PDB file of N, CA and C in Angstrom:
ATOM      1  N   MET A   1      -1.145  10.982  11.290  1.00  0.00           N
ATOM      2  CA  MET A   1      -0.447  10.544  10.093  1.00  0.00           C
ATOM      3  C   MET A   1      -0.485  11.571   9.386  1.00  0.00           C
ATOM      4  N   THR A   2       0.748  11.788   8.820  1.00  0.00           N
ATOM      5  CA  THR A   2       1.051  13.032   7.912  1.00  0.00           C
ATOM      6  C   THR A   2       0.158  13.351   6.766  1.00  0.00           C
ATOM      7  N   SER A   3       0.437  14.233   6.502  1.00  0.00           N
ATOM      8  CA  SER A   3      -0.757  14.597   5.184  1.00  0.00           C
ATOM      9  C   SER A   3      -0.531  13.841   3.824  1.00  0.00           C
ATOM     10  N   LEU A   4      -1.247  13.166   3.013  1.00  0.00           N
ATOM     11  CA  LEU A   4      -1.450  12.332   2.116  1.00  0.00           C
ATOM     12  C   LEU A   4      -1.424  12.851   0.796  1.00  0.00           C
ATOM     13  N   PRO A   5      -0.588  12.210  -0.208  1.00  0.00           N
ATOM     14  CA  PRO A   5      -0.342  12.983  -1.402  1.00  0.00           C
ATOM     15  C   PRO A   5      -1.543  12.562  -1.887  1.00  0.00           C
ATOM     16  N   THR A   6      -1.885  13.327  -3.001  1.00  0.00           N
ATOM     17  CA  THR A   6      -3.099  13.089  -4.225  1.00  0.00           C
ATOM     18  C   THR A   6      -2.896  12.105  -4.938  1.00  0.00           C
ATOM     19  N   VAL A   7      -4.159  11.201  -5.239  1.00  0.00           N
ATOM     20  CA  VAL A   7      -3.715  10.209  -6.011  1.00  0.00           C
ATOM     21  C   VAL A   7      -5.070  10.493  -7.356  1.00  0.00           C
ATOM     22  N   GLU A   8      -5.135  11.476  -7.534  1.00  0.00           N
ATOM     23  CA  GLU A   8      -6.224  11.617  -8.519  1.00  0.00           C
ATOM     24  C   GLU A   8      -5.340  11.041  -9.847  1.00  0.00           C
ATOM     25  N   HIS A   9      -4.262  11.204 -10.205  1.00  0.00           N
ATOM     26  CA  HIS A   9      -3.693  10.920 -11.434  1.00  0.00           C
ATOM     27  C   HIS A   9      -3.214   9.178 -11.506  1.00  0.00           C
ATOM     28  N   ILE A  10      -3.907   8.802 -10.691  1.00  0.00           N
ATOM     29  CA  ILE A  10      -3.254   6.892 -10.325  1.00  0.00           C
ATOM     30  C   ILE A  10      -4.895   6.180 -10.237  1.00  0.00           C
ATOM     31  N   GLN A  11      -4.622   5.025 -11.649  1.00  0.00           N
ATOM     32  CA  GLN A  11      -5.818   4.015 -11.869  1.00  0.00           C
ATOM     33  C   GLN A  11      -5.487   2.805 -10.917  1.00  0.00           C
ATOM     34  N   SER A  12      -4.211   2.369 -10.629  1.00  0.00           N
ATOM     35  CA  SER A  12      -4.130   1.646 -10.089  1.00  0.00           C
ATOM     36  C   SER A  12      -2.566   1.095  -9.409  1.00  0.00           C
ATOM     37  N   LEU A  13      -2.694   0.612  -8.084  1.00  0.00           N
ATOM     38  CA  LEU A  13      -1.211   0.240  -7.810  1.00  0.00           C
ATOM     39  C   LEU A  13      -0.724  -1.649  -7.902  1.00  0.00           C
ATOM     40  N   HIS A  14      -0.436  -1.850  -8.494  1.00  0.00           N
ATOM     41  CA  HIS A  14       0.742  -3.113  -8.908  1.00  0.00           C
ATOM     42  C   HIS A  14       1.916  -3.669  -7.895  1.00  0.00           C
ATOM     43  N   PHE A  15       1.613  -4.591  -6.949  1.00  0.00           N
ATOM     44  CA  PHE A  15       2.402  -5.094  -6.106  1.00  0.00           C
ATOM     45  C   PHE A  15       3.526  -6.358  -6.358  1.00  0.00           C
ATOM     46  N   TYR A  16       4.677  -6.353  -6.352  1.00  0.00           N
ATOM     47  CA  TYR A  16       5.303  -7.039  -6.745  1.00  0.00           C
ATOM     48  C   TYR A  16       6.255  -7.692  -6.152  1.00  0.00           C
ATOM     49  N   GLY A  17       6.384  -9.117  -5.794  1.00  0.00           N
ATOM     50  CA  GLY A  17       7.192  -9.660  -4.751  1.00  0.00           C
ATOM     51  C   GLY A  17       7.627 -11.035  -4.927  1.00  0.00           C
ATOM     52  N   GLY A  18       8.139 -11.825  -3.275  1.00  0.00           N
ATOM     53  CA  GLY A  18       8.801 -13.155  -3.254  1.00  0.00           C
ATOM     54  C   GLY A  18       9.922 -13.186  -4.044  1.00  0.00           C
ATOM     55  N   PRO A  19      10.261 -14.189  -4.482  1.00  0.00           N
ATOM     56  CA  PRO A  19      12.235 -14.289  -4.687  1.00  0.00           C
ATOM     57  C   PRO A  19      12.238 -14.057  -5.958  1.00  0.00           C
ATOM     58  N   LYS A  20      11.244 -14.097  -6.854  1.00  0.00           N
ATOM     59  CA  LYS A  20      11.639 -13.631  -8.176  1.00  0.00           C
ATOM     60  C   LYS A  20      10.601 -12.328  -8.602  1.00  0.00           C
ATOM     61  N   ALA A  21      10.299 -11.980  -8.011  1.00  0.00           N
ATOM     62  CA  ALA A  21       9.290 -10.557  -7.724  1.00  0.00           C
ATOM     63  C   ALA A  21       8.204 -10.483  -9.047  1.00  0.00           C
ATOM     64  N   GLU A  22       7.571 -11.654  -8.932  1.00  0.00           N
ATOM     65  CA  GLU A  22       6.451 -11.841  -9.451  1.00  0.00           C
ATOM     66  C   GLU A  22       5.212 -10.857  -8.738  1.00  0.00           C
ATOM     67  N   HIS A  23       4.226 -10.742  -9.641  1.00  0.00           N
ATOM     68  CA  HIS A  23       3.090 -10.109  -9.283  1.00  0.00           C
ATOM     69  C   HIS A  23       2.555 -10.502  -8.776  1.00  0.00           C
ATOM     70  N   GLN A  24       2.165  -9.841  -7.305  1.00  0.00           N
ATOM     71  CA  GLN A  24       0.793 -10.535  -6.656  1.00  0.00           C
ATOM     72  C   GLN A  24      -0.121  -9.557  -5.922  1.00  0.00           C
ATOM     73  N   LEU A  25      -0.488  -8.500  -6.588  1.00  0.00           N
ATOM     74  CA  LEU A  25      -1.477  -8.072  -6.256  1.00  0.00           C
ATOM     75  C   LEU A  25      -1.468  -6.923  -7.024  1.00  0.00           C
ATOM     76  N   THR A  26      -2.978  -6.437  -7.605  1.00  0.00           N
ATOM     77  CA  THR A  26      -3.159  -5.190  -8.149  1.00  0.00           C
ATOM     78  C   THR A  26      -4.456  -4.643  -7.633  1.00  0.00           C
ATOM     79  N   LEU A  27      -4.192  -3.406  -7.033  1.00  0.00           N
ATOM     80  CA  LEU A  27      -5.029  -2.654  -6.163  1.00  0.00           C
ATOM     81  C   LEU A  27      -5.741  -1.537  -7.098  1.00  0.00           C
ATOM     82  N   ALA A  28      -7.037  -1.641  -7.790  1.00  0.00           N
ATOM     83  CA  ALA A  28      -7.706  -0.460  -8.548  1.00  0.00           C
ATOM     84  C   ALA A  28      -8.021   0.638  -7.805  1.00  0.00           C
ATOM     85  N   GLN A  29      -8.139   1.774  -8.090  1.00  0.00           N
ATOM     86  CA  GLN A  29      -8.443   2.826  -7.334  1.00  0.00           C
ATOM     87  C   GLN A  29     -10.418   2.979  -7.478  1.00  0.00           C
ATOM     88  N   ARG A  30     -10.773   3.136  -6.624  1.00  0.00           N
ATOM     89  CA  ARG A  30     -12.028   3.128  -6.357  1.00  0.00           C
ATOM     90  C   ARG A  30     -12.607   4.239  -5.731  1.00  0.00           C
ATOM     91  N   PRO A  31     -13.825   4.751  -5.776  1.00  0.00           N
ATOM     92  CA  PRO A  31     -14.121   5.594  -4.695  1.00  0.00           C
ATOM     93  C   PRO A  31     -14.147   5.138  -3.579  1.00  0.00           C
ATOM     94  N   ASP A  32     -14.864   3.787  -2.845  1.00  0.00           N
ATOM     95  CA  ASP A  32     -14.604   3.193  -1.451  1.00  0.00           C
ATOM     96  C   ASP A  32     -13.019   3.099  -0.827  1.00  0.00           C
ATOM     97  N   ASN A  33     -12.059   2.828  -1.911  1.00  0.00           N
ATOM     98  CA  ASN A  33     -10.826   2.596  -1.125  1.00  0.00           C
ATOM     99  C   ASN A  33      -9.527   3.637  -1.445  1.00  0.00           C
ATOM    100  N   ARG A  34      -9.903   5.169  -1.460  1.00  0.00           N
ATOM    101  CA  ARG A  34      -9.177   6.098  -2.081  1.00  0.00           C
ATOM    102  C   ARG A  34      -7.758   6.633  -1.170  1.00  0.00           C
ATOM    103  N   LEU A  35      -8.425   6.350   0.237  1.00  0.00           N
ATOM    104  CA  LEU A  35      -7.714   6.417   1.295  1.00  0.00           C
ATOM    105  C   LEU A  35      -6.414   5.209   1.409  1.00  0.00           C
ATOM    106  N   SER A  36      -6.828   4.136   1.079  1.00  0.00           N
ATOM    107  CA  SER A  36      -5.778   2.705   1.307  1.00  0.00           C
ATOM    108  C   SER A  36      -4.728   3.499  -0.289  1.00  0.00           C
ATOM    109  N   ILE A  37      -5.424   3.414  -1.115  1.00  0.00           N
ATOM    110  CA  ILE A  37      -4.052   3.918  -1.863  1.00  0.00           C
ATOM    111  C   ILE A  37      -3.679   4.790  -1.824  1.00  0.00           C
ATOM    112  N   GLN A  38      -3.764   6.175  -1.345  1.00  0.00           N
ATOM    113  CA  GLN A  38      -3.208   7.376  -0.484  1.00  0.00           C
ATOM    114  C   GLN A  38      -2.378   6.713   0.582  1.00  0.00           C
ATOM    115  N   VAL A  39      -2.345   6.010   1.145  1.00  0.00           N
ATOM    116  CA  VAL A  39      -1.436   5.222   2.298  1.00  0.00           C
ATOM    117  C   VAL A  39      -0.392   4.367   2.221  1.00  0.00           C
ATOM    118  N   LEU A  40      -1.077   3.146   0.872  1.00  0.00           N
ATOM    119  CA  LEU A  40       0.215   2.908   0.344  1.00  0.00           C
ATOM    120  C   LEU A  40       1.299   2.992  -0.654  1.00  0.00           C
ATOM    121  N   TYR A  41       0.902   4.423  -1.462  1.00  0.00           N
ATOM    122  CA  TYR A  41       1.515   5.270  -2.526  1.00  0.00           C
ATOM    123  C   TYR A  41       1.996   5.875  -2.015  1.00  0.00           C
ATOM    124  N   GLN A  42       1.741   6.861  -0.750  1.00  0.00           N
ATOM    125  CA  GLN A  42       3.127   7.479   0.443  1.00  0.00           C
ATOM    126  C   GLN A  42       4.243   6.530   0.976  1.00  0.00           C
ATOM    127  N   LEU A  43       3.278   5.495   1.191  1.00  0.00           N
ATOM    128  CA  LEU A  43       4.571   4.443   2.000  1.00  0.00           C
ATOM    129  C   LEU A  43       5.399   4.184   0.424  1.00  0.00           C
ATOM    130  N   ALA A  44       5.348   3.826  -0.262  1.00  0.00           N
ATOM    131  CA  ALA A  44       6.382   3.549  -1.594  1.00  0.00           C
ATOM    132  C   ALA A  44       7.050   4.813  -1.728  1.00  0.00           C
ATOM    133  N   ILE A  45       6.032   5.916  -1.890  1.00  0.00           N
ATOM    134  CA  ILE A  45       7.347   7.088  -2.376  1.00  0.00           C
ATOM    135  C   ILE A  45       8.121   7.692  -1.004  1.00  0.00           C
ATOM    136  N   ARG A  46       8.145   7.062  -0.136  1.00  0.00           N
ATOM    137  CA  ARG A  46       8.759   7.335   1.486  1.00  0.00           C
ATOM    138  C   ARG A  46      10.479   6.600   1.336  1.00  0.00           C
ATOM    139  N   HIS A  47       9.465   5.017   1.227  1.00  0.00           N
ATOM    140  CA  HIS A  47      10.307   3.783   1.656  1.00  0.00           C
ATOM    141  C   HIS A  47      10.918   2.967   0.090  1.00  0.00           C
ATOM    142  N   GLY A  48      10.234   3.751  -1.163  1.00  0.00           N
ATOM    143  CA  GLY A  48      10.543   2.968  -2.381  1.00  0.00           C
ATOM    144  C   GLY A  48      10.025   1.336  -2.170  1.00  0.00           C
ATOM    145  N   VAL A  49       9.873   0.719  -1.223  1.00  0.00           N
ATOM    146  CA  VAL A  49       8.969  -0.543  -1.172  1.00  0.00           C
ATOM    147  C   VAL A  49       8.068  -0.537  -0.090  1.00  0.00           C
ATOM    148  N   ILE A  50       7.051  -1.721  -0.149  1.00  0.00           N
ATOM    149  CA  ILE A  50       6.499  -1.566   0.829  1.00  0.00           C
ATOM    150  C   ILE A  50       7.538  -2.780   2.218  1.00  0.00           C
ATOM    151  N   SER A  51       7.673  -2.453   2.765  1.00  0.00           N
ATOM    152  CA  SER A  51       8.473  -3.179   3.956  1.00  0.00           C
ATOM    153  C   SER A  51       7.716  -3.392   5.368  1.00  0.00           C
ATOM    154  N   PRO A  52       8.558  -4.517   5.912  1.00  0.00           N
ATOM    155  CA  PRO A  52       7.809  -5.278   6.973  1.00  0.00           C
ATOM    156  C   PRO A  52       7.597  -4.043   7.795  1.00  0.00           C
ATOM    157  N   SER A  53       8.914  -3.152   8.054  1.00  0.00           N
ATOM    158  CA  SER A  53       9.060  -2.226   9.266  1.00  0.00           C
ATOM    159  C   SER A  53       8.120  -1.008   8.708  1.00  0.00           C
ATOM    160  N   GLY A  54       8.330  -0.712   7.248  1.00  0.00           N
ATOM    161  CA  GLY A  54       6.999   0.353   7.144  1.00  0.00           C
ATOM    162  C   GLY A  54       5.445   0.136   7.798  1.00  0.00           C
ATOM    163  N   ALA A  55       5.479  -1.156   7.325  1.00  0.00           N
ATOM    164  CA  ALA A  55       3.900  -1.579   7.505  1.00  0.00           C
ATOM    165  C   ALA A  55       3.577  -1.385   8.977  1.00  0.00           C
ATOM    166  N   ARG A  56       4.357  -2.073   9.667  1.00  0.00           N
ATOM    167  CA  ARG A  56       4.432  -1.761  11.356  1.00  0.00           C
ATOM    168  C   ARG A  56       4.067  -0.226  11.855  1.00  0.00           C
ATOM    169  N   GLU A  57       4.436   0.432  11.137  1.00  0.00           N
ATOM    170  CA  GLU A  57       4.802   2.133  11.426  1.00  0.00           C
ATOM    171  C   GLU A  57       3.389   2.723  10.762  1.00  0.00           C
ATOM    172  N   VAL A  58       3.085   2.036   9.573  1.00  0.00           N
ATOM    173  CA  VAL A  58       1.474   2.754   8.912  1.00  0.00           C
ATOM    174  C   VAL A  58       0.582   2.013   9.802  1.00  0.00           C
ATOM    175  N   LEU A  59       0.071   0.740  10.178  1.00  0.00           N
ATOM    176  CA  LEU A  59      -0.682   0.198  10.437  1.00  0.00           C
ATOM    177  C   LEU A  59      -1.152   0.752  12.237  1.00  0.00           C
ATOM    178  N   ALA A  60       0.216   1.250  13.191  1.00  0.00           N
ATOM    179  CA  ALA A  60      -0.129   1.425  13.916  1.00  0.00           C
ATOM    180  C   ALA A  60      -0.972   2.862  14.234  1.00  0.00           C
ATOM    181  N   THR A  61      -1.081   3.935  13.156  1.00  0.00           N
ATOM    182  CA  THR A  61      -1.568   4.982  13.123  1.00  0.00           C
ATOM    183  C   THR A  61      -2.955   4.976  11.674  1.00  0.00           C
ATOM    184  N   LEU A  62      -2.785   3.816  11.162  1.00  0.00           N
ATOM    185  CA  LEU A  62      -3.629   3.934  10.232  1.00  0.00           C
ATOM    186  C   LEU A  62      -5.250   3.960  10.632  1.00  0.00           C
ATOM    187  N   PRO A  63      -6.180   4.918  10.344  1.00  0.00           N
ATOM    188  CA  PRO A  63      -7.525   4.701  10.785  1.00  0.00           C
ATOM    189  C   PRO A  63      -7.872   3.633  10.632  1.00  0.00           C
ATOM    190  N   THR A  64      -8.879   2.888  10.998  1.00  0.00           N
ATOM    191  CA  THR A  64     -10.203   1.435  11.156  1.00  0.00           C
ATOM    192  C   THR A  64     -10.818   2.166  10.593  1.00  0.00           C
ATOM    193  N   GLU A  65     -11.136   2.630   9.698  1.00  0.00           N
ATOM    194  CA  GLU A  65     -12.370   3.124   8.626  1.00  0.00           C
ATOM    195  C   GLU A  65     -12.855   2.311   7.647  1.00  0.00           C
ATOM    196  N   GLU A  66     -13.382   2.199   6.896  1.00  0.00           N
ATOM    197  CA  GLU A  66     -13.953   1.518   5.968  1.00  0.00           C
ATOM    198  C   GLU A  66     -12.606   1.554   4.546  1.00  0.00           C
ATOM    199  N   GLY A  67     -12.167   2.559   4.170  1.00  0.00           N
ATOM    200  CA  GLY A  67     -11.941   3.595   3.435  1.00  0.00           C
ATOM    201  C   GLY A  67     -10.336   2.553   3.309  1.00  0.00           C
ATOM    202  N   ALA A  68     -10.312   2.684   4.280  1.00  0.00           N
ATOM    203  CA  ALA A  68      -8.597   1.695   4.370  1.00  0.00           C
ATOM    204  C   ALA A  68      -8.460   0.236   4.785  1.00  0.00           C
ATOM    205  N   ALA A  69      -9.523  -0.218   4.616  1.00  0.00           N
ATOM    206  CA  ALA A  69      -8.952  -1.615   4.939  1.00  0.00           C
ATOM    207  C   ALA A  69      -8.815  -2.411   3.773  1.00  0.00           C
ATOM    208  N   ASP A  70      -8.789  -2.104   2.240  1.00  0.00           N
ATOM    209  CA  ASP A  70      -7.714  -2.774   1.373  1.00  0.00           C
ATOM    210  C   ASP A  70      -6.079  -2.558   1.987  1.00  0.00           C
ATOM    211  N   ALA A  71      -5.632  -1.302   2.246  1.00  0.00           N
ATOM    212  CA  ALA A  71      -4.366  -1.060   2.925  1.00  0.00           C
ATOM    213  C   ALA A  71      -4.040  -1.482   4.079  1.00  0.00           C
ATOM    214  N   ARG A  72      -5.200  -1.734   5.299  1.00  0.00           N
ATOM    215  CA  ARG A  72      -4.588  -2.580   6.376  1.00  0.00           C
ATOM    216  C   ARG A  72      -4.642  -4.086   6.044  1.00  0.00           C
ATOM    217  N   SER A  73      -5.330  -4.479   5.075  1.00  0.00           N
ATOM    218  CA  SER A  73      -5.256  -6.307   4.925  1.00  0.00           C
ATOM    219  C   SER A  73      -3.941  -6.343   3.996  1.00  0.00           C
ATOM    220  N   LEU A  74      -3.437  -5.308   2.660  1.00  0.00           N
ATOM    221  CA  LEU A  74      -2.346  -5.857   2.430  1.00  0.00           C
ATOM    222  C   LEU A  74      -0.739  -5.865   3.316  1.00  0.00           C
ATOM    223  N   LEU A  75      -0.970  -4.566   4.563  1.00  0.00           N
ATOM    224  CA  LEU A  75       0.485  -4.420   5.284  1.00  0.00           C
ATOM    225  C   LEU A  75      -0.023  -4.827   6.061  1.00  0.00           C
ATOM    226  N   GLN A  76      -0.981  -5.662   6.624  1.00  0.00           N
ATOM    227  CA  GLN A  76      -0.992  -7.056   7.658  1.00  0.00           C
ATOM    228  C   GLN A  76      -0.034  -8.175   6.557  1.00  0.00           C
ATOM    229  N   ARG A  77      -0.588  -8.376   5.782  1.00  0.00           N
ATOM    230  CA  ARG A  77      -0.079  -9.457   4.873  1.00  0.00           C
ATOM    231  C   ARG A  77       1.514  -9.107   4.601  1.00  0.00           C
ATOM    232  N   VAL A  78       2.204  -8.015   4.205  1.00  0.00           N
ATOM    233  CA  VAL A  78       3.624  -7.685   4.628  1.00  0.00           C
ATOM    234  C   VAL A  78       4.240  -8.204   5.924  1.00  0.00           C
ATOM    235  N   LEU A  79       3.435  -7.987   6.713  1.00  0.00           N
ATOM    236  CA  LEU A  79       3.526  -8.090   8.134  1.00  0.00           C
ATOM    237  C   LEU A  79       3.996  -9.802   8.566  1.00  0.00           C
ATOM    238  N   ASP A  80       2.663 -10.719   8.222  1.00  0.00           N
ATOM    239  CA  ASP A  80       2.712 -11.892   8.676  1.00  0.00           C
ATOM    240  C   ASP A  80       4.028 -12.474   7.412  1.00  0.00           C
ATOM    241  N   LYS A  81       3.874 -12.082   6.611  1.00  0.00           N
ATOM    242  CA  LYS A  81       4.973 -13.114   5.423  1.00  0.00           C
ATOM    243  C   LYS A  81       6.688 -12.339   5.533  1.00  0.00           C
ATOM    244  N   GLY A  82       6.502 -11.252   6.112  1.00  0.00           N
ATOM    245  CA  GLY A  82       7.504 -10.712   6.345  1.00  0.00           C
ATOM    246  C   GLY A  82       8.709 -10.357   5.144  1.00  0.00           C
ATOM    247  N   GLU A  83       7.661 -10.369   4.311  1.00  0.00           N
ATOM    248  CA  GLU A  83       7.896  -9.625   2.787  1.00  0.00           C
ATOM    249  C   GLU A  83       8.123  -8.432   2.164  1.00  0.00           C
ATOM    250  N   PHE A  84       8.756  -8.168   1.018  1.00  0.00           N
ATOM    251  CA  PHE A  84       8.637  -6.850   0.795  1.00  0.00           C
ATOM    252  C   PHE A  84       8.324  -6.825  -0.799  1.00  0.00           C
ATOM    253  N   LEU A  85       7.315  -5.179  -0.595  1.00  0.00           N
ATOM    254  CA  LEU A  85       6.928  -5.642  -2.046  1.00  0.00           C
ATOM    255  C   LEU A  85       7.543  -4.041  -2.634  1.00  0.00           C
ATOM    256  N   ALA A  86       7.507  -4.384  -3.992  1.00  0.00           N
ATOM    257  CA  ALA A  86       7.766  -3.234  -4.856  1.00  0.00           C
ATOM    258  C   ALA A  86       6.212  -2.649  -5.427  1.00  0.00           C
ATOM    259  N   VAL A  87       6.568  -1.674  -5.785  1.00  0.00           N
ATOM    260  CA  VAL A  87       5.014  -0.886  -5.897  1.00  0.00           C
ATOM    261  C   VAL A  87       5.059  -0.449  -7.578  1.00  0.00           C
ATOM    262  N   ARG A  88       3.758  -0.580  -8.667  1.00  0.00           N
ATOM    263  CA  ARG A  88       4.376   0.176 -10.065  1.00  0.00           C
ATOM    264  C   ARG A  88       3.063   1.132  -9.896  1.00  0.00           C
ATOM    265  N   VAL A  89       2.725   2.012 -10.136  1.00  0.00           N
ATOM    266  CA  VAL A  89       1.926   2.959 -10.193  1.00  0.00           C
ATOM    267  C   VAL A  89       1.130   2.726 -11.945  1.00  0.00           C
ATOM    268  N   GLN A  90       0.182   2.748 -11.848  1.00  0.00           N
ATOM    269  CA  GLN A  90      -0.397   2.947 -13.550  1.00  0.00           C
ATOM    270  C   GLN A  90      -1.059   3.744 -13.036  1.00  0.00           C
ATOM    271  N   ARG A  91      -1.068   5.278 -14.322  1.00  0.00           N
ATOM    272  CA  ARG A  91      -1.353   6.448 -14.532  1.00  0.00           C
ATOM    273  C   ARG A  91      -2.840   5.966 -15.522  1.00  0.00           C
TER     274      ARG A  91
END
């Protein structure tokens, strides 16, 4: 996995998708999910969205440690549903 971006400035990530680009999920940053925030933020920066191909790529290299559980769950959902999620950062 490449070096991850700093996320101290992020309070939460908001994910939008589906046919009407509706709000799907908010992931607030907590001390125990910083790795998830970093991984999802990096994916959004690199690709502009969370896509099935991006999710597949990241899941292959994502550590199984507890701090990555939120990212792993969201990325698996993207793969299962074949959907794209737009990401909004709340600072």
